[in-house]
Amino acid sequence: ALAAEGKERHPHDEATVPAGLESYYGQALEWYPCTAGDGIA
């Protein structure tokens, strides 16, 4: 989505997805509460 009001950005409204990487850019990122045993912290 566009940035918050008052946060001026580049005048375009789409970010280019590099060819061949569409599935990486389209993957679902799942955030979860960090807990013991999650492999991160």
PDB file of all heavy atoms in Angstrom:
ATOM      1  N   ALA A   1       0.851  -1.179   0.000  1.00  0.00           N
ATOM      2  CA  ALA A   1       0.000   0.000   0.000  1.00  0.00           C
ATOM      3  C   ALA A   1       0.887   1.229   0.000  1.00  0.00           C
ATOM      4  O   ALA A   1       2.066   1.171   0.323  1.00  0.00           O
ATOM      5  CB  ALA A   1      -0.890  -0.007   1.245  1.00  0.00           C
ATOM      6  N   LEU A   2       0.327   2.368  -0.378  1.00  0.00           N
ATOM      7  CA  LEU A   2       1.109   3.591  -0.371  1.00  0.00           C
ATOM      8  C   LEU A   2       1.515   3.956   1.041  1.00  0.00           C
ATOM      9  O   LEU A   2       0.852   3.599   2.012  1.00  0.00           O
ATOM     10  CB  LEU A   2       0.299   4.730  -1.004  1.00  0.00           C
ATOM     11  CG  LEU A   2       0.013   4.573  -2.506  1.00  0.00           C
ATOM     12  CD1 LEU A   2      -0.853   5.730  -2.986  1.00  0.00           C
ATOM     13  CD2 LEU A   2       1.308   4.537  -3.310  1.00  0.00           C
ATOM     14  N   ALA A   3       2.602   4.676   1.153  1.00  0.00           N
ATOM     15  CA  ALA A   3       3.108   5.063   2.471  1.00  0.00           C
ATOM     16  C   ALA A   3       2.141   6.018   3.150  1.00  0.00           C
ATOM     17  O   ALA A   3       1.244   6.582   2.548  1.00  0.00           O
ATOM     18  CB  ALA A   3       4.476   5.729   2.314  1.00  0.00           C
ATOM     19  N   ALA A   4       2.365   6.184   4.448  1.00  0.00           N
ATOM     20  CA  ALA A   4       1.480   7.024   5.245  1.00  0.00           C
ATOM     21  C   ALA A   4       1.467   8.457   4.720  1.00  0.00           C
ATOM     22  O   ALA A   4       2.418   8.925   4.104  1.00  0.00           O
ATOM     23  CB  ALA A   4       1.948   7.020   6.699  1.00  0.00           C
ATOM     24  N   GLU A   5       0.385   9.146   4.968  1.00  0.00           N
ATOM     25  CA  GLU A   5       0.237  10.522   4.520  1.00  0.00           C
ATOM     26  C   GLU A   5       1.389  11.369   5.057  1.00  0.00           C
ATOM     27  O   GLU A   5       1.786  11.259   6.208  1.00  0.00           O
ATOM     28  CB  GLU A   5      -1.099  11.073   5.014  1.00  0.00           C
ATOM     29  CG  GLU A   5      -1.358  12.500   4.567  1.00  0.00           C
ATOM     30  CD  GLU A   5      -2.703  13.007   5.063  1.00  0.00           C
ATOM     31  OE1 GLU A   5      -3.427  12.215   5.696  1.00  0.00           O
ATOM     32  OE2 GLU A   5      -3.003  14.169   4.820  1.00  0.00           O
ATOM     33  N   GLY A   6       1.923  12.209   4.182  1.00  0.00           N
ATOM     34  CA  GLY A   6       3.008  13.080   4.603  1.00  0.00           C
ATOM     35  C   GLY A   6       4.382  12.472   4.410  1.00  0.00           C
ATOM     36  O   GLY A   6       5.382  13.135   4.559  1.00  0.00           O
ATOM     37  N   LYS A   7       4.451  11.190   4.026  1.00  0.00           N
ATOM     38  CA  LYS A   7       5.732  10.530   3.809  1.00  0.00           C
ATOM     39  C   LYS A   7       5.974  10.452   2.309  1.00  0.00           C
ATOM     40  O   LYS A   7       5.586   9.512   1.638  1.00  0.00           O
ATOM     41  CB  LYS A   7       5.692   9.132   4.427  1.00  0.00           C
ATOM     42  CG  LYS A   7       7.063   8.464   4.495  1.00  0.00           C
ATOM     43  CD  LYS A   7       6.934   7.099   5.153  1.00  0.00           C
ATOM     44  CE  LYS A   7       8.293   6.448   5.307  1.00  0.00           C
ATOM     45  NZ  LYS A   7       8.201   5.082   5.824  1.00  0.00           N
ATOM     46  N   GLU A   8       6.575  11.482   1.763  1.00  0.00           N
ATOM     47  CA  GLU A   8       6.752  11.567   0.325  1.00  0.00           C
ATOM     48  C   GLU A   8       7.708  10.483  -0.162  1.00  0.00           C
ATOM     49  O   GLU A   8       8.725  10.220   0.428  1.00  0.00           O
ATOM     50  CB  GLU A   8       7.292  12.948  -0.052  1.00  0.00           C
ATOM     51  CG  GLU A   8       6.314  14.080   0.249  1.00  0.00           C
ATOM     52  CD  GLU A   8       6.854  15.430  -0.180  1.00  0.00           C
ATOM     53  OE1 GLU A   8       7.967  15.458  -0.740  1.00  0.00           O
ATOM     54  OE2 GLU A   8       6.158  16.425   0.047  1.00  0.00           O
ATOM     55  N   ARG A   9       7.329   9.892  -1.256  1.00  0.00           N
ATOM     56  CA  ARG A   9       8.123   8.817  -1.821  1.00  0.00           C
ATOM     57  C   ARG A   9       8.314   9.055  -3.310  1.00  0.00           C
ATOM     58  O   ARG A   9       7.950  10.089  -3.845  1.00  0.00           O
ATOM     59  CB  ARG A   9       7.413   7.470  -1.581  1.00  0.00           C
ATOM     60  CG  ARG A   9       7.315   7.107  -0.101  1.00  0.00           C
ATOM     61  CD  ARG A   9       8.682   7.051   0.556  1.00  0.00           C
ATOM     62  NE  ARG A   9       8.643   6.359   1.819  1.00  0.00           N
ATOM     63  CZ  ARG A   9       9.668   6.255   2.639  1.00  0.00           C
ATOM     64  NH1 ARG A   9      10.804   6.835   2.351  1.00  0.00           N
ATOM     65  NH2 ARG A   9       9.569   5.596   3.770  1.00  0.00           N
ATOM     66  N   HIS A  10       8.860   8.075  -3.989  1.00  0.00           N
ATOM     67  CA  HIS A  10       9.016   8.186  -5.430  1.00  0.00           C
ATOM     68  C   HIS A  10       7.651   8.341  -6.082  1.00  0.00           C
ATOM     69  O   HIS A  10       6.638   7.837  -5.571  1.00  0.00           O
ATOM     70  CB  HIS A  10       9.727   6.944  -5.975  1.00  0.00           C
ATOM     71  CG  HIS A  10      11.148   6.844  -5.544  1.00  0.00           C
ATOM     72  ND1 HIS A  10      12.076   7.795  -5.840  1.00  0.00           N
ATOM     73  CD2 HIS A  10      11.802   5.897  -4.824  1.00  0.00           C
ATOM     74  CE1 HIS A  10      13.250   7.440  -5.346  1.00  0.00           C
ATOM     75  NE2 HIS A  10      13.105   6.294  -4.717  1.00  0.00           N
ATOM     76  N   PRO A  11       7.562   8.994  -7.232  1.00  0.00           N
ATOM     77  CA  PRO A  11       6.278   9.288  -7.844  1.00  0.00           C
ATOM     78  C   PRO A  11       5.604   8.091  -8.498  1.00  0.00           C
ATOM     79  O   PRO A  11       4.533   8.247  -9.077  1.00  0.00           O
ATOM     80  CB  PRO A  11       6.648  10.335  -8.903  1.00  0.00           C
ATOM     81  CG  PRO A  11       8.075  10.057  -9.237  1.00  0.00           C
ATOM     82  CD  PRO A  11       8.686   9.618  -7.949  1.00  0.00           C
ATOM     83  N   HIS A  12       6.186   6.913  -8.448  1.00  0.00           N
ATOM     84  CA  HIS A  12       5.523   5.750  -9.024  1.00  0.00           C
ATOM     85  C   HIS A  12       4.802   4.984  -7.936  1.00  0.00           C
ATOM     86  O   HIS A  12       5.029   5.193  -6.755  1.00  0.00           O
ATOM     87  CB  HIS A  12       6.533   4.840  -9.723  1.00  0.00           C
ATOM     88  CG  HIS A  12       7.657   4.409  -8.823  1.00  0.00           C
ATOM     89  ND1 HIS A  12       8.795   5.162  -8.664  1.00  0.00           N
ATOM     90  CD2 HIS A  12       7.807   3.324  -8.031  1.00  0.00           C
ATOM     91  CE1 HIS A  12       9.615   4.545  -7.825  1.00  0.00           C
ATOM     92  NE2 HIS A  12       9.032   3.427  -7.426  1.00  0.00           N
ATOM     93  N   ASP A  13       3.906   4.087  -8.329  1.00  0.00           N
ATOM     94  CA  ASP A  13       3.110   3.396  -7.319  1.00  0.00           C
ATOM     95  C   ASP A  13       3.234   1.875  -7.398  1.00  0.00           C
ATOM     96  O   ASP A  13       2.481   1.161  -6.772  1.00  0.00           O
ATOM     97  CB  ASP A  13       1.632   3.794  -7.433  1.00  0.00           C
ATOM     98  CG  ASP A  13       1.058   3.476  -8.801  1.00  0.00           C
ATOM     99  OD1 ASP A  13       1.770   2.882  -9.638  1.00  0.00           O
ATOM    100  OD2 ASP A  13      -0.103   3.839  -9.035  1.00  0.00           O
ATOM    101  N   GLU A  14       4.186   1.376  -8.184  1.00  0.00           N
ATOM    102  CA  GLU A  14       4.408  -0.052  -8.236  1.00  0.00           C
ATOM    103  C   GLU A  14       5.903  -0.332  -8.130  1.00  0.00           C
ATOM    104  O   GLU A  14       6.716   0.408  -8.663  1.00  0.00           O
ATOM    105  CB  GLU A  14       3.871  -0.650  -9.544  1.00  0.00           C
ATOM    106  CG  GLU A  14       2.362  -0.622  -9.652  1.00  0.00           C
ATOM    107  CD  GLU A  14       1.882  -1.389 -10.867  1.00  0.00           C
ATOM    108  OE1 GLU A  14       2.717  -2.085 -11.495  1.00  0.00           O
ATOM    109  OE2 GLU A  14       0.690  -1.308 -11.189  1.00  0.00           O
ATOM    110  N   ALA A  15       6.231  -1.386  -7.431  1.00  0.00           N
ATOM    111  CA  ALA A  15       7.619  -1.813  -7.344  1.00  0.00           C
ATOM    112  C   ALA A  15       7.830  -2.974  -8.307  1.00  0.00           C
ATOM    113  O   ALA A  15       7.040  -3.915  -8.344  1.00  0.00           O
ATOM    114  CB  ALA A  15       7.970  -2.246  -5.920  1.00  0.00           C
ATOM    115  N   THR A  16       8.873  -2.901  -9.094  1.00  0.00           N
ATOM    116  CA  THR A  16       9.142  -3.928 -10.091  1.00  0.00           C
ATOM    117  C   THR A  16       9.565  -5.231  -9.420  1.00  0.00           C
ATOM    118  O   THR A  16      10.382  -5.237  -8.500  1.00  0.00           O
ATOM    119  CB  THR A  16      10.256  -3.461 -11.046  1.00  0.00           C
ATOM    120  OG1 THR A  16       9.840  -2.247 -11.657  1.00  0.00           O
ATOM    121  CG2 THR A  16      10.540  -4.507 -12.105  1.00  0.00           C
ATOM    122  N   VAL A  17       9.008  -6.336  -9.909  1.00  0.00           N
ATOM    123  CA  VAL A  17       9.409  -7.661  -9.450  1.00  0.00           C
ATOM    124  C   VAL A  17      10.357  -8.239 -10.488  1.00  0.00           C
ATOM    125  O   VAL A  17       9.992  -8.389 -11.654  1.00  0.00           O
ATOM    126  CB  VAL A  17       8.197  -8.588  -9.269  1.00  0.00           C
ATOM    127  CG1 VAL A  17       8.654  -9.994  -8.898  1.00  0.00           C
ATOM    128  CG2 VAL A  17       7.264  -8.034  -8.212  1.00  0.00           C
ATOM    129  N   PRO A  18      11.590  -8.553 -10.115  1.00  0.00           N
ATOM    130  CA  PRO A  18      12.546  -9.082 -11.088  1.00  0.00           C
ATOM    131  C   PRO A  18      12.054 -10.377 -11.724  1.00  0.00           C
ATOM    132  O   PRO A  18      11.499 -11.256 -11.050  1.00  0.00           O
ATOM    133  CB  PRO A  18      13.808  -9.327 -10.248  1.00  0.00           C
ATOM    134  CG  PRO A  18      13.667  -8.419  -9.073  1.00  0.00           C
ATOM    135  CD  PRO A  18      12.202  -8.380  -8.786  1.00  0.00           C
ATOM    136  N   ALA A  19      12.254 -10.486 -13.009  1.00  0.00           N
ATOM    137  CA  ALA A  19      11.828 -11.679 -13.740  1.00  0.00           C
ATOM    138  C   ALA A  19      12.489 -12.929 -13.170  1.00  0.00           C
ATOM    139  O   ALA A  19      13.685 -12.935 -12.870  1.00  0.00           O
ATOM    140  CB  ALA A  19      12.175 -11.526 -15.214  1.00  0.00           C
ATOM    141  N   GLY A  20      11.711 -13.969 -13.028  1.00  0.00           N
ATOM    142  CA  GLY A  20      12.209 -15.230 -12.511  1.00  0.00           C
ATOM    143  C   GLY A  20      12.113 -15.363 -11.010  1.00  0.00           C
ATOM    144  O   GLY A  20      12.325 -16.455 -10.468  1.00  0.00           O
ATOM    145  N   LEU A  21      11.795 -14.259 -10.315  1.00  0.00           N
ATOM    146  CA  LEU A  21      11.726 -14.299  -8.854  1.00  0.00           C
ATOM    147  C   LEU A  21      10.309 -14.086  -8.337  1.00  0.00           C
ATOM    148  O   LEU A  21      10.107 -13.795  -7.166  1.00  0.00           O
ATOM    149  CB  LEU A  21      12.656 -13.228  -8.266  1.00  0.00           C
ATOM    150  CG  LEU A  21      14.143 -13.382  -8.585  1.00  0.00           C
ATOM    151  CD1 LEU A  21      14.931 -12.209  -8.008  1.00  0.00           C
ATOM    152  CD2 LEU A  21      14.680 -14.699  -8.037  1.00  0.00           C
ATOM    153  N   GLU A  22       9.318 -14.250  -9.224  1.00  0.00           N
ATOM    154  CA  GLU A  22       7.940 -13.950  -8.842  1.00  0.00           C
ATOM    155  C   GLU A  22       7.467 -14.771  -7.647  1.00  0.00           C
ATOM    156  O   GLU A  22       6.757 -14.252  -6.777  1.00  0.00           O
ATOM    157  CB  GLU A  22       7.015 -14.180 -10.041  1.00  0.00           C
ATOM    158  CG  GLU A  22       7.210 -13.215 -11.183  1.00  0.00           C
ATOM    159  CD  GLU A  22       8.326 -13.619 -12.137  1.00  0.00           C
ATOM    160  OE1 GLU A  22       8.999 -14.647 -11.867  1.00  0.00           O
ATOM    161  OE2 GLU A  22       8.524 -12.910 -13.138  1.00  0.00           O
ATOM    162  N   SER A  23       7.842 -16.031  -7.585  1.00  0.00           N
ATOM    163  CA  SER A  23       7.365 -16.862  -6.480  1.00  0.00           C
ATOM    164  C   SER A  23       7.980 -16.444  -5.151  1.00  0.00           C
ATOM    165  O   SER A  23       7.344 -16.551  -4.097  1.00  0.00           O
ATOM    166  CB  SER A  23       7.661 -18.336  -6.756  1.00  0.00           C
ATOM    167  OG  SER A  23       9.045 -18.541  -6.917  1.00  0.00           O
ATOM    168  N   TYR A  24       9.234 -15.952  -5.189  1.00  0.00           N
ATOM    169  CA  TYR A  24       9.854 -15.473  -3.957  1.00  0.00           C
ATOM    170  C   TYR A  24       9.170 -14.202  -3.472  1.00  0.00           C
ATOM    171  O   TYR A  24       8.893 -14.047  -2.276  1.00  0.00           O
ATOM    172  CB  TYR A  24      11.343 -15.212  -4.183  1.00  0.00           C
ATOM    173  CG  TYR A  24      12.175 -16.465  -4.237  1.00  0.00           C
ATOM    174  CD1 TYR A  24      12.710 -16.917  -5.438  1.00  0.00           C
ATOM    175  CD2 TYR A  24      12.418 -17.205  -3.092  1.00  0.00           C
ATOM    176  CE1 TYR A  24      13.477 -18.068  -5.489  1.00  0.00           C
ATOM    177  CE2 TYR A  24      13.184 -18.361  -3.126  1.00  0.00           C
ATOM    178  CZ  TYR A  24      13.709 -18.785  -4.337  1.00  0.00           C
ATOM    179  OH  TYR A  24      14.457 -19.936  -4.385  1.00  0.00           O
ATOM    180  N   TYR A  25       8.911 -13.296  -4.385  1.00  0.00           N
ATOM    181  CA  TYR A  25       8.248 -12.045  -4.013  1.00  0.00           C
ATOM    182  C   TYR A  25       6.790 -12.273  -3.632  1.00  0.00           C
ATOM    183  O   TYR A  25       6.210 -11.468  -2.907  1.00  0.00           O
ATOM    184  CB  TYR A  25       8.333 -11.034  -5.167  1.00  0.00           C
ATOM    185  CG  TYR A  25       9.638 -10.294  -5.234  1.00  0.00           C
ATOM    186  CD1 TYR A  25      10.779 -10.899  -5.765  1.00  0.00           C
ATOM    187  CD2 TYR A  25       9.747  -8.988  -4.765  1.00  0.00           C
ATOM    188  CE1 TYR A  25      11.993 -10.222  -5.823  1.00  0.00           C
ATOM    189  CE2 TYR A  25      10.955  -8.304  -4.825  1.00  0.00           C
ATOM    190  CZ  TYR A  25      12.071  -8.920  -5.348  1.00  0.00           C
ATOM    191  OH  TYR A  25      13.265  -8.244  -5.407  1.00  0.00           O
ATOM    192  N   GLY A  26       6.213 -13.356  -4.110  1.00  0.00           N
ATOM    193  CA  GLY A  26       4.814 -13.622  -3.815  1.00  0.00           C
ATOM    194  C   GLY A  26       4.574 -14.564  -2.656  1.00  0.00           C
ATOM    195  O   GLY A  26       3.416 -14.870  -2.337  1.00  0.00           O
ATOM    196  N   GLN A  27       5.619 -15.057  -1.995  1.00  0.00           N
ATOM    197  CA  GLN A  27       5.434 -15.991  -0.879  1.00  0.00           C
ATOM    198  C   GLN A  27       4.753 -15.290   0.290  1.00  0.00           C
ATOM    199  O   GLN A  27       4.821 -14.074   0.446  1.00  0.00           O
ATOM    200  CB  GLN A  27       6.781 -16.565  -0.434  1.00  0.00           C
ATOM    201  CG  GLN A  27       7.710 -15.532   0.205  1.00  0.00           C
ATOM    202  CD  GLN A  27       9.074 -16.102   0.546  1.00  0.00           C
ATOM    203  OE1 GLN A  27       9.207 -16.902   1.485  1.00  0.00           O
ATOM    204  NE2 GLN A  27      10.098 -15.690  -0.206  1.00  0.00           N
ATOM    205  N   ALA A  28       4.084 -16.047   1.099  1.00  0.00           N
ATOM    206  CA  ALA A  28       3.419 -15.503   2.286  1.00  0.00           C
ATOM    207  C   ALA A  28       4.395 -15.508   3.450  1.00  0.00           C
ATOM    208  O   ALA A  28       4.965 -16.550   3.800  1.00  0.00           O
ATOM    209  CB  ALA A  28       2.181 -16.332   2.629  1.00  0.00           C
ATOM    210  N   LEU A  29       4.580 -14.337   4.057  1.00  0.00           N
ATOM    211  CA  LEU A  29       5.454 -14.221   5.223  1.00  0.00           C
ATOM    212  C   LEU A  29       4.594 -14.325   6.473  1.00  0.00           C
ATOM    213  O   LEU A  29       3.692 -13.525   6.675  1.00  0.00           O
ATOM    214  CB  LEU A  29       6.193 -12.887   5.195  1.00  0.00           C
ATOM    215  CG  LEU A  29       7.310 -12.711   6.228  1.00  0.00           C
ATOM    216  CD1 LEU A  29       8.479 -13.639   5.910  1.00  0.00           C
ATOM    217  CD2 LEU A  29       7.788 -11.268   6.259  1.00  0.00           C
ATOM    218  N   GLU A  30       4.861 -15.298   7.295  1.00  0.00           N
ATOM    219  CA  GLU A  30       4.046 -15.550   8.488  1.00  0.00           C
ATOM    220  C   GLU A  30       4.805 -15.106   9.737  1.00  0.00           C
ATOM    221  O   GLU A  30       5.794 -15.710  10.135  1.00  0.00           O
ATOM    222  CB  GLU A  30       3.683 -17.027   8.580  1.00  0.00           C
ATOM    223  CG  GLU A  30       2.851 -17.525   7.407  1.00  0.00           C
ATOM    224  CD  GLU A  30       2.464 -18.988   7.549  1.00  0.00           C
ATOM    225  OE1 GLU A  30       2.799 -19.583   8.606  1.00  0.00           O
ATOM    226  OE2 GLU A  30       1.857 -19.528   6.616  1.00  0.00           O
ATOM    227  N   TRP A  31       4.313 -14.031  10.355  1.00  0.00           N
ATOM    228  CA  TRP A  31       4.883 -13.566  11.622  1.00  0.00           C
ATOM    229  C   TRP A  31       4.217 -14.301  12.777  1.00  0.00           C
ATOM    230  O   TRP A  31       3.019 -14.554  12.760  1.00  0.00           O
ATOM    231  CB  TRP A  31       4.657 -12.072  11.784  1.00  0.00           C
ATOM    232  CG  TRP A  31       5.418 -11.212  10.831  1.00  0.00           C
ATOM    233  CD1 TRP A  31       4.937 -10.604   9.719  1.00  0.00           C
ATOM    234  CD2 TRP A  31       6.805 -10.860  10.912  1.00  0.00           C
ATOM    235  NE1 TRP A  31       5.928  -9.894   9.086  1.00  0.00           N
ATOM    236  CE2 TRP A  31       7.085 -10.023   9.800  1.00  0.00           C
ATOM    237  CE3 TRP A  31       7.829 -11.157  11.803  1.00  0.00           C
ATOM    238  CZ2 TRP A  31       8.346  -9.493   9.561  1.00  0.00           C
ATOM    239  CZ3 TRP A  31       9.087 -10.618  11.571  1.00  0.00           C
ATOM    240  CH2 TRP A  31       9.344  -9.806  10.467  1.00  0.00           C
ATOM    241  N   TYR A  32       4.994 -14.633  13.774  1.00  0.00           N
ATOM    242  CA  TYR A  32       4.466 -15.321  14.950  1.00  0.00           C
ATOM    243  C   TYR A  32       5.238 -14.848  16.172  1.00  0.00           C
ATOM    244  O   TYR A  32       6.388 -14.413  16.064  1.00  0.00           O
ATOM    245  CB  TYR A  32       4.581 -16.837  14.801  1.00  0.00           C
ATOM    246  CG  TYR A  32       5.997 -17.322  14.564  1.00  0.00           C
ATOM    247  CD1 TYR A  32       6.828 -17.661  15.638  1.00  0.00           C
ATOM    248  CD2 TYR A  32       6.514 -17.416  13.273  1.00  0.00           C
ATOM    249  CE1 TYR A  32       8.122 -18.091  15.432  1.00  0.00           C
ATOM    250  CE2 TYR A  32       7.806 -17.845  13.058  1.00  0.00           C
ATOM    251  CZ  TYR A  32       8.610 -18.186  14.139  1.00  0.00           C
ATOM    252  OH  TYR A  32       9.898 -18.605  13.929  1.00  0.00           O
ATOM    253  N   PRO A  33       4.626 -14.926  17.357  1.00  0.00           N
ATOM    254  CA  PRO A  33       5.348 -14.519  18.573  1.00  0.00           C
ATOM    255  C   PRO A  33       6.595 -15.365  18.770  1.00  0.00           C
ATOM    256  O   PRO A  33       6.536 -16.593  18.713  1.00  0.00           O
ATOM    257  CB  PRO A  33       4.328 -14.756  19.696  1.00  0.00           C
ATOM    258  CG  PRO A  33       3.000 -14.715  18.997  1.00  0.00           C
ATOM    259  CD  PRO A  33       3.226 -15.315  17.648  1.00  0.00           C
ATOM    260  N   CYS A  34       7.718 -14.721  18.948  1.00  0.00           N
ATOM    261  CA  CYS A  34       8.964 -15.454  19.153  1.00  0.00           C
ATOM    262  C   CYS A  34       8.875 -16.261  20.440  1.00  0.00           C
ATOM    263  O   CYS A  34       8.539 -15.732  21.496  1.00  0.00           O
ATOM    264  CB  CYS A  34      10.137 -14.483  19.235  1.00  0.00           C
ATOM    265  SG  CYS A  34      10.359 -13.451  17.774  1.00  0.00           S
ATOM    266  N   THR A  35       9.156 -17.539  20.334  1.00  0.00           N
ATOM    267  CA  THR A  35       9.081 -18.424  21.498  1.00  0.00           C
ATOM    268  C   THR A  35      10.296 -19.332  21.519  1.00  0.00           C
ATOM    269  O   THR A  35      10.995 -19.473  20.522  1.00  0.00           O
ATOM    270  CB  THR A  35       7.809 -19.290  21.460  1.00  0.00           C
ATOM    271  OG1 THR A  35       7.799 -20.065  20.259  1.00  0.00           O
ATOM    272  CG2 THR A  35       6.550 -18.426  21.506  1.00  0.00           C
ATOM    273  N   ALA A  36      10.509 -19.959  22.661  1.00  0.00           N
ATOM    274  CA  ALA A  36      11.610 -20.901  22.778  1.00  0.00           C
ATOM    275  C   ALA A  36      11.409 -22.032  21.779  1.00  0.00           C
ATOM    276  O   ALA A  36      10.309 -22.533  21.579  1.00  0.00           O
ATOM    277  CB  ALA A  36      11.671 -21.456  24.199  1.00  0.00           C
ATOM    278  N   GLY A  37      12.495 -22.424  21.122  1.00  0.00           N
ATOM    279  CA  GLY A  37      12.425 -23.536  20.205  1.00  0.00           C
ATOM    280  C   GLY A  37      12.058 -23.168  18.787  1.00  0.00           C
ATOM    281  O   GLY A  37      11.900 -24.041  17.942  1.00  0.00           O
ATOM    282  N   ASP A  38      11.934 -21.875  18.497  1.00  0.00           N
ATOM    283  CA  ASP A  38      11.559 -21.502  17.136  1.00  0.00           C
ATOM    284  C   ASP A  38      12.764 -21.385  16.211  1.00  0.00           C
ATOM    285  O   ASP A  38      12.620 -21.060  15.043  1.00  0.00           O
ATOM    286  CB  ASP A  38      10.771 -20.189  17.109  1.00  0.00           C
ATOM    287  CG  ASP A  38      11.588 -18.989  17.608  1.00  0.00           C
ATOM    288  OD1 ASP A  38      12.816 -19.137  17.758  1.00  0.00           O
ATOM    289  OD2 ASP A  38      11.005 -17.932  17.827  1.00  0.00           O
ATOM    290  N   GLY A  39      13.944 -21.665  16.728  1.00  0.00           N
ATOM    291  CA  GLY A  39      15.135 -21.601  15.908  1.00  0.00           C
ATOM    292  C   GLY A  39      15.679 -20.202  15.751  1.00  0.00           C
ATOM    293  O   GLY A  39      16.673 -20.002  15.075  1.00  0.00           O
ATOM    294  N   ILE A  40      15.022 -19.223  16.350  1.00  0.00           N
ATOM    295  CA  ILE A  40      15.498 -17.844  16.226  1.00  0.00           C
ATOM    296  C   ILE A  40      15.907 -17.306  17.584  1.00  0.00           C
ATOM    297  O   ILE A  40      17.021 -16.870  17.781  1.00  0.00           O
ATOM    298  CB  ILE A  40      14.421 -16.941  15.578  1.00  0.00           C
ATOM    299  CG1 ILE A  40      14.162 -17.415  14.137  1.00  0.00           C
ATOM    300  CG2 ILE A  40      14.865 -15.493  15.573  1.00  0.00           C
ATOM    301  CD1 ILE A  40      13.121 -16.624  13.417  1.00  0.00           C
ATOM    302  N   ALA A  41      15.018 -17.344  18.555  1.00  0.00           N
ATOM    303  CA  ALA A  41      15.374 -16.880  19.899  1.00  0.00           C
ATOM    304  C   ALA A  41      14.230 -17.185  20.845  1.00  0.00           C
ATOM    305  O   ALA A  41      13.101 -17.425  20.429  1.00  0.00           O
ATOM    306  CB  ALA A  41      15.672 -15.386  19.898  1.00  0.00           C
TER     307      ALA A  41
END
